[in-house]
Amino acid sequence: MADPFDILHQRTELEQAVSADIELRRGDHVRLHPRPGADILDTALAGQAATIVAIEKDLEGRVHLAVTLDDDPGRDLGALGKPGHRFFFGPDEVEILDRSAP
C-alpha cells in the first residue's frame, strides 16, 4: 500500500499532453520557451532542444513535461529520473520539432 504522505511518489504519468491543439508524447523533440518570469535556470535553457522523457500530472492537476537536453552528455541519467539532467516545463512552454528529427 502506498504511503499517502509520500508526495514524491504521488504523481500520475500520462501518455500525452495537448498544447495549442498539438499532441505531445514521450520521445517527442521540442524547443524550450520558458514563460516570462520563469526562474533563472529555466531562462538559461530557453531555445534549447530537448526530448520529452515523461509527462506527469501533479497533485493540483497541473501537467508537467520532464525533458532532457539533447546536447547533454548525461541525458541518459535524466531519462532515469536523476536530478540535474531532467527539467520540467509546462506544455505551453515547448514548441514541437519535427518528429522525424533525431
N, C-alpha and C. Protein backbone atom coordinates (compact mmCIF):
# COMPACT_ATOMS: atom_id res chain seq x y z
N MET A 1 0.85 -1.18 0.00
CA MET A 1 0.00 0.00 0.00
C MET A 1 0.89 1.24 0.00
N ALA A 2 0.57 2.19 -0.85
CA ALA A 2 1.35 3.43 -0.96
C ALA A 2 1.12 4.31 0.26
N ASP A 3 2.18 4.96 0.68
CA ASP A 3 2.11 5.89 1.80
C ASP A 3 1.44 7.18 1.33
N PRO A 4 0.29 7.58 1.88
CA PRO A 4 -0.41 8.77 1.41
C PRO A 4 0.35 10.06 1.69
N PHE A 5 1.39 10.00 2.53
CA PHE A 5 2.15 11.20 2.84
C PHE A 5 3.46 11.27 2.05
N ASP A 6 3.71 10.32 1.20
CA ASP A 6 4.92 10.30 0.38
C ASP A 6 4.65 11.05 -0.92
N ILE A 7 4.82 12.39 -0.87
CA ILE A 7 4.45 13.21 -2.02
C ILE A 7 5.38 13.01 -3.21
N LEU A 8 6.55 12.44 -3.00
CA LEU A 8 7.45 12.21 -4.13
C LEU A 8 6.93 11.13 -5.06
N HIS A 9 6.05 10.28 -4.58
CA HIS A 9 5.53 9.22 -5.42
C HIS A 9 4.05 9.40 -5.75
N GLN A 10 3.50 10.57 -5.42
CA GLN A 10 2.10 10.84 -5.69
C GLN A 10 1.97 11.68 -6.96
N ARG A 11 2.25 11.06 -8.07
CA ARG A 11 2.10 11.73 -9.35
C ARG A 11 1.50 10.73 -10.32
N THR A 12 0.87 11.25 -11.31
CA THR A 12 0.25 10.42 -12.31
C THR A 12 1.00 10.59 -13.62
N GLU A 13 1.46 9.50 -14.20
CA GLU A 13 2.11 9.57 -15.50
C GLU A 13 1.05 9.50 -16.58
N LEU A 14 1.19 10.37 -17.58
CA LEU A 14 0.24 10.45 -18.68
C LEU A 14 0.90 9.97 -19.96
N GLU A 15 0.12 9.53 -20.90
CA GLU A 15 0.63 9.10 -22.20
C GLU A 15 0.86 10.29 -23.13
N GLN A 16 0.06 11.35 -22.94
CA GLN A 16 0.16 12.51 -23.82
C GLN A 16 -0.34 13.76 -23.11
N ALA A 17 0.02 14.90 -23.69
CA ALA A 17 -0.49 16.20 -23.26
C ALA A 17 -0.80 16.97 -24.53
N VAL A 18 -1.70 17.93 -24.43
CA VAL A 18 -2.07 18.72 -25.60
C VAL A 18 -1.84 20.19 -25.28
N SER A 19 -1.20 20.88 -26.22
CA SER A 19 -0.98 22.32 -26.09
C SER A 19 -1.20 22.94 -27.46
N ALA A 20 -2.04 23.94 -27.51
CA ALA A 20 -2.36 24.62 -28.78
C ALA A 20 -2.75 23.61 -29.85
N ASP A 21 -3.60 22.65 -29.48
CA ASP A 21 -4.10 21.61 -30.38
C ASP A 21 -3.01 20.70 -30.94
N ILE A 22 -1.84 20.69 -30.30
CA ILE A 22 -0.76 19.80 -30.72
C ILE A 22 -0.55 18.76 -29.64
N GLU A 23 -0.58 17.49 -30.04
CA GLU A 23 -0.38 16.39 -29.10
C GLU A 23 1.11 16.22 -28.82
N LEU A 24 1.47 16.17 -27.55
CA LEU A 24 2.84 15.95 -27.12
C LEU A 24 2.93 14.57 -26.49
N ARG A 25 3.99 13.81 -26.85
CA ARG A 25 4.16 12.46 -26.34
C ARG A 25 5.61 12.25 -25.90
N ARG A 26 5.82 11.22 -25.07
CA ARG A 26 7.19 10.85 -24.72
C ARG A 26 7.97 10.55 -25.99
N GLY A 27 9.21 11.01 -26.01
CA GLY A 27 10.05 10.81 -27.18
C GLY A 27 10.03 11.96 -28.16
N ASP A 28 9.05 12.84 -28.04
CA ASP A 28 8.99 14.00 -28.94
C ASP A 28 10.14 14.95 -28.67
N HIS A 29 10.67 15.51 -29.76
CA HIS A 29 11.71 16.53 -29.66
C HIS A 29 11.04 17.89 -29.65
N VAL A 30 11.48 18.74 -28.73
CA VAL A 30 10.86 20.05 -28.54
C VAL A 30 11.94 21.12 -28.36
N ARG A 31 11.55 22.37 -28.57
CA ARG A 31 12.38 23.52 -28.25
C ARG A 31 11.76 24.18 -27.04
N LEU A 32 12.61 24.55 -26.06
CA LEU A 32 12.13 25.11 -24.80
C LEU A 32 11.93 26.62 -24.91
N HIS A 33 10.77 27.08 -24.46
CA HIS A 33 10.41 28.50 -24.44
C HIS A 33 9.77 28.81 -23.09
N PRO A 34 10.60 29.01 -22.04
CA PRO A 34 10.03 29.28 -20.71
C PRO A 34 9.15 30.53 -20.72
N ARG A 35 8.12 30.50 -19.91
CA ARG A 35 7.20 31.65 -19.83
C ARG A 35 7.91 32.85 -19.19
N PRO A 36 7.44 34.05 -19.47
CA PRO A 36 8.02 35.24 -18.85
C PRO A 36 7.94 35.12 -17.32
N GLY A 37 9.02 35.51 -16.66
CA GLY A 37 9.07 35.43 -15.21
C GLY A 37 9.53 34.08 -14.69
N ALA A 38 9.96 33.20 -15.59
CA ALA A 38 10.45 31.88 -15.17
C ALA A 38 11.70 32.04 -14.33
N ASP A 39 12.05 31.00 -13.58
CA ASP A 39 13.25 31.09 -12.75
C ASP A 39 14.49 31.12 -13.63
N ILE A 40 15.64 31.44 -13.03
CA ILE A 40 16.87 31.66 -13.78
C ILE A 40 17.33 30.43 -14.54
N LEU A 41 17.15 29.25 -14.00
CA LEU A 41 17.56 28.03 -14.69
C LEU A 41 16.71 27.81 -15.94
N ASP A 42 15.40 27.96 -15.80
CA ASP A 42 14.53 27.80 -16.97
C ASP A 42 14.90 28.82 -18.04
N THR A 43 15.16 30.04 -17.63
CA THR A 43 15.52 31.10 -18.57
C THR A 43 16.83 30.75 -19.28
N ALA A 44 17.78 30.18 -18.57
CA ALA A 44 19.06 29.79 -19.17
C ALA A 44 18.88 28.68 -20.21
N LEU A 45 17.81 27.90 -20.10
CA LEU A 45 17.58 26.80 -21.03
C LEU A 45 16.74 27.22 -22.24
N ALA A 46 16.33 28.48 -22.29
CA ALA A 46 15.50 28.97 -23.40
C ALA A 46 16.18 28.71 -24.73
N GLY A 47 15.41 28.17 -25.66
CA GLY A 47 15.90 27.91 -27.01
C GLY A 47 16.59 26.57 -27.18
N GLN A 48 16.82 25.85 -26.09
CA GLN A 48 17.50 24.55 -26.17
C GLN A 48 16.56 23.49 -26.75
N ALA A 49 17.13 22.56 -27.48
CA ALA A 49 16.38 21.41 -27.98
C ALA A 49 16.39 20.34 -26.89
N ALA A 50 15.26 19.69 -26.72
CA ALA A 50 15.12 18.69 -25.65
C ALA A 50 14.21 17.57 -26.13
N THR A 51 14.20 16.49 -25.35
CA THR A 51 13.34 15.34 -25.62
C THR A 51 12.45 15.11 -24.41
N ILE A 52 11.17 14.90 -24.64
CA ILE A 52 10.24 14.61 -23.56
C ILE A 52 10.47 13.18 -23.10
N VAL A 53 10.80 13.00 -21.80
CA VAL A 53 11.04 11.66 -21.26
C VAL A 53 9.88 11.18 -20.38
N ALA A 54 9.03 12.12 -19.94
CA ALA A 54 7.85 11.74 -19.14
C ALA A 54 6.86 12.90 -19.17
N ILE A 55 5.60 12.56 -19.00
CA ILE A 55 4.53 13.54 -18.86
C ILE A 55 3.81 13.19 -17.58
N GLU A 56 3.77 14.15 -16.64
CA GLU A 56 3.23 13.87 -15.31
C GLU A 56 2.21 14.93 -14.91
N LYS A 57 1.25 14.48 -14.11
CA LYS A 57 0.26 15.39 -13.53
C LYS A 57 0.52 15.45 -12.03
N ASP A 58 0.61 16.69 -11.48
CA ASP A 58 0.89 16.83 -10.06
C ASP A 58 -0.40 16.77 -9.23
N LEU A 59 -0.26 16.94 -7.94
CA LEU A 59 -1.41 16.82 -7.03
C LEU A 59 -2.47 17.89 -7.27
N GLU A 60 -2.07 19.03 -7.85
CA GLU A 60 -3.03 20.09 -8.16
C GLU A 60 -3.64 19.94 -9.55
N GLY A 61 -3.27 18.88 -10.26
CA GLY A 61 -3.82 18.63 -11.58
C GLY A 61 -3.06 19.31 -12.71
N ARG A 62 -1.93 19.96 -12.43
CA ARG A 62 -1.13 20.60 -13.48
C ARG A 62 -0.28 19.56 -14.18
N VAL A 63 -0.14 19.73 -15.49
CA VAL A 63 0.65 18.81 -16.30
C VAL A 63 2.05 19.38 -16.48
N HIS A 64 3.06 18.52 -16.31
CA HIS A 64 4.46 18.90 -16.46
C HIS A 64 5.13 17.93 -17.42
N LEU A 65 5.97 18.48 -18.29
CA LEU A 65 6.77 17.66 -19.18
C LEU A 65 8.16 17.55 -18.59
N ALA A 66 8.62 16.35 -18.35
CA ALA A 66 10.00 16.12 -17.93
C ALA A 66 10.81 15.96 -19.20
N VAL A 67 11.85 16.78 -19.34
CA VAL A 67 12.66 16.75 -20.55
C VAL A 67 14.13 16.58 -20.22
N THR A 68 14.86 16.05 -21.18
CA THR A 68 16.32 16.02 -21.12
C THR A 68 16.83 16.84 -22.29
N LEU A 69 17.93 17.54 -22.08
CA LEU A 69 18.51 18.35 -23.15
C LEU A 69 19.20 17.46 -24.16
N ASP A 70 18.95 17.69 -25.42
CA ASP A 70 19.51 16.83 -26.46
C ASP A 70 21.04 16.87 -26.50
N ASP A 71 21.65 17.99 -26.12
CA ASP A 71 23.11 18.07 -26.16
C ASP A 71 23.77 17.81 -24.80
N ASP A 72 23.01 17.30 -23.83
CA ASP A 72 23.56 16.98 -22.51
C ASP A 72 24.17 15.58 -22.56
N PRO A 73 25.48 15.45 -22.32
CA PRO A 73 26.08 14.12 -22.34
C PRO A 73 25.53 13.20 -21.24
N GLY A 74 24.89 13.76 -20.23
CA GLY A 74 24.30 12.96 -19.16
C GLY A 74 22.80 12.77 -19.32
N ARG A 75 22.28 12.96 -20.53
CA ARG A 75 20.82 12.88 -20.72
C ARG A 75 20.27 11.50 -20.37
N ASP A 76 21.09 10.46 -20.45
CA ASP A 76 20.62 9.13 -20.06
C ASP A 76 20.29 9.09 -18.57
N LEU A 77 21.01 9.88 -17.77
CA LEU A 77 20.69 9.98 -16.34
C LEU A 77 19.34 10.66 -16.13
N GLY A 78 19.06 11.68 -16.93
CA GLY A 78 17.76 12.35 -16.86
C GLY A 78 16.62 11.42 -17.23
N ALA A 79 16.85 10.58 -18.22
CA ALA A 79 15.82 9.61 -18.62
C ALA A 79 15.53 8.62 -17.50
N LEU A 80 16.52 8.41 -16.63
CA LEU A 80 16.33 7.53 -15.46
C LEU A 80 15.73 8.26 -14.27
N GLY A 81 15.48 9.58 -14.44
CA GLY A 81 14.85 10.36 -13.37
C GLY A 81 15.83 10.99 -12.41
N LYS A 82 17.11 11.00 -12.75
CA LYS A 82 18.12 11.56 -11.85
C LYS A 82 18.09 13.09 -11.92
N PRO A 83 18.24 13.75 -10.77
CA PRO A 83 18.24 15.22 -10.76
C PRO A 83 19.47 15.78 -11.47
N GLY A 84 19.34 17.00 -11.94
CA GLY A 84 20.44 17.67 -12.61
C GLY A 84 20.48 17.43 -14.10
N HIS A 85 19.75 16.44 -14.58
CA HIS A 85 19.73 16.12 -16.01
C HIS A 85 18.30 16.00 -16.53
N ARG A 86 17.35 16.37 -15.70
CA ARG A 86 15.92 16.27 -16.05
C ARG A 86 15.28 17.57 -15.61
N PHE A 87 14.55 18.20 -16.51
CA PHE A 87 13.97 19.51 -16.25
C PHE A 87 12.48 19.47 -16.55
N PHE A 88 11.72 20.30 -15.88
CA PHE A 88 10.26 20.29 -16.03
C PHE A 88 9.77 21.59 -16.64
N PHE A 89 8.91 21.46 -17.64
CA PHE A 89 8.29 22.59 -18.30
C PHE A 89 6.82 22.28 -18.52
N GLY A 90 6.01 23.32 -18.63
CA GLY A 90 4.60 23.15 -18.95
C GLY A 90 4.42 22.89 -20.43
N PRO A 91 3.32 22.27 -20.83
CA PRO A 91 3.07 22.01 -22.25
C PRO A 91 3.07 23.29 -23.09
N ASP A 92 2.72 24.42 -22.49
CA ASP A 92 2.70 25.68 -23.22
C ASP A 92 4.09 26.33 -23.31
N GLU A 93 5.12 25.67 -22.75
CA GLU A 93 6.47 26.22 -22.78
C GLU A 93 7.39 25.50 -23.76
N VAL A 94 6.80 24.68 -24.61
CA VAL A 94 7.61 23.96 -25.59
C VAL A 94 7.02 24.11 -26.98
N GLU A 95 7.88 24.01 -27.96
CA GLU A 95 7.50 24.03 -29.37
C GLU A 95 7.91 22.68 -29.93
N ILE A 96 6.99 21.97 -30.54
CA ILE A 96 7.29 20.66 -31.10
C ILE A 96 8.22 20.84 -32.30
N LEU A 97 9.23 20.01 -32.38
CA LEU A 97 10.12 19.99 -33.53
C LEU A 97 9.72 18.82 -34.41
N ASP A 98 10.29 18.71 -35.56
CA ASP A 98 9.99 17.63 -36.49
C ASP A 98 10.12 16.29 -35.77
N ARG A 99 9.08 15.50 -35.74
CA ARG A 99 9.11 14.21 -35.03
C ARG A 99 10.09 13.24 -35.65
N SER A 100 10.46 13.45 -36.90
CA SER A 100 11.40 12.54 -37.55
C SER A 100 12.85 12.96 -37.30
N ALA A 101 13.07 14.14 -36.67
CA ALA A 101 14.42 14.62 -36.42
C ALA A 101 15.02 13.87 -35.24
N PRO A 102 16.35 13.68 -35.22
CA PRO A 102 16.99 12.98 -34.09
C PRO A 102 16.99 13.83 -32.83
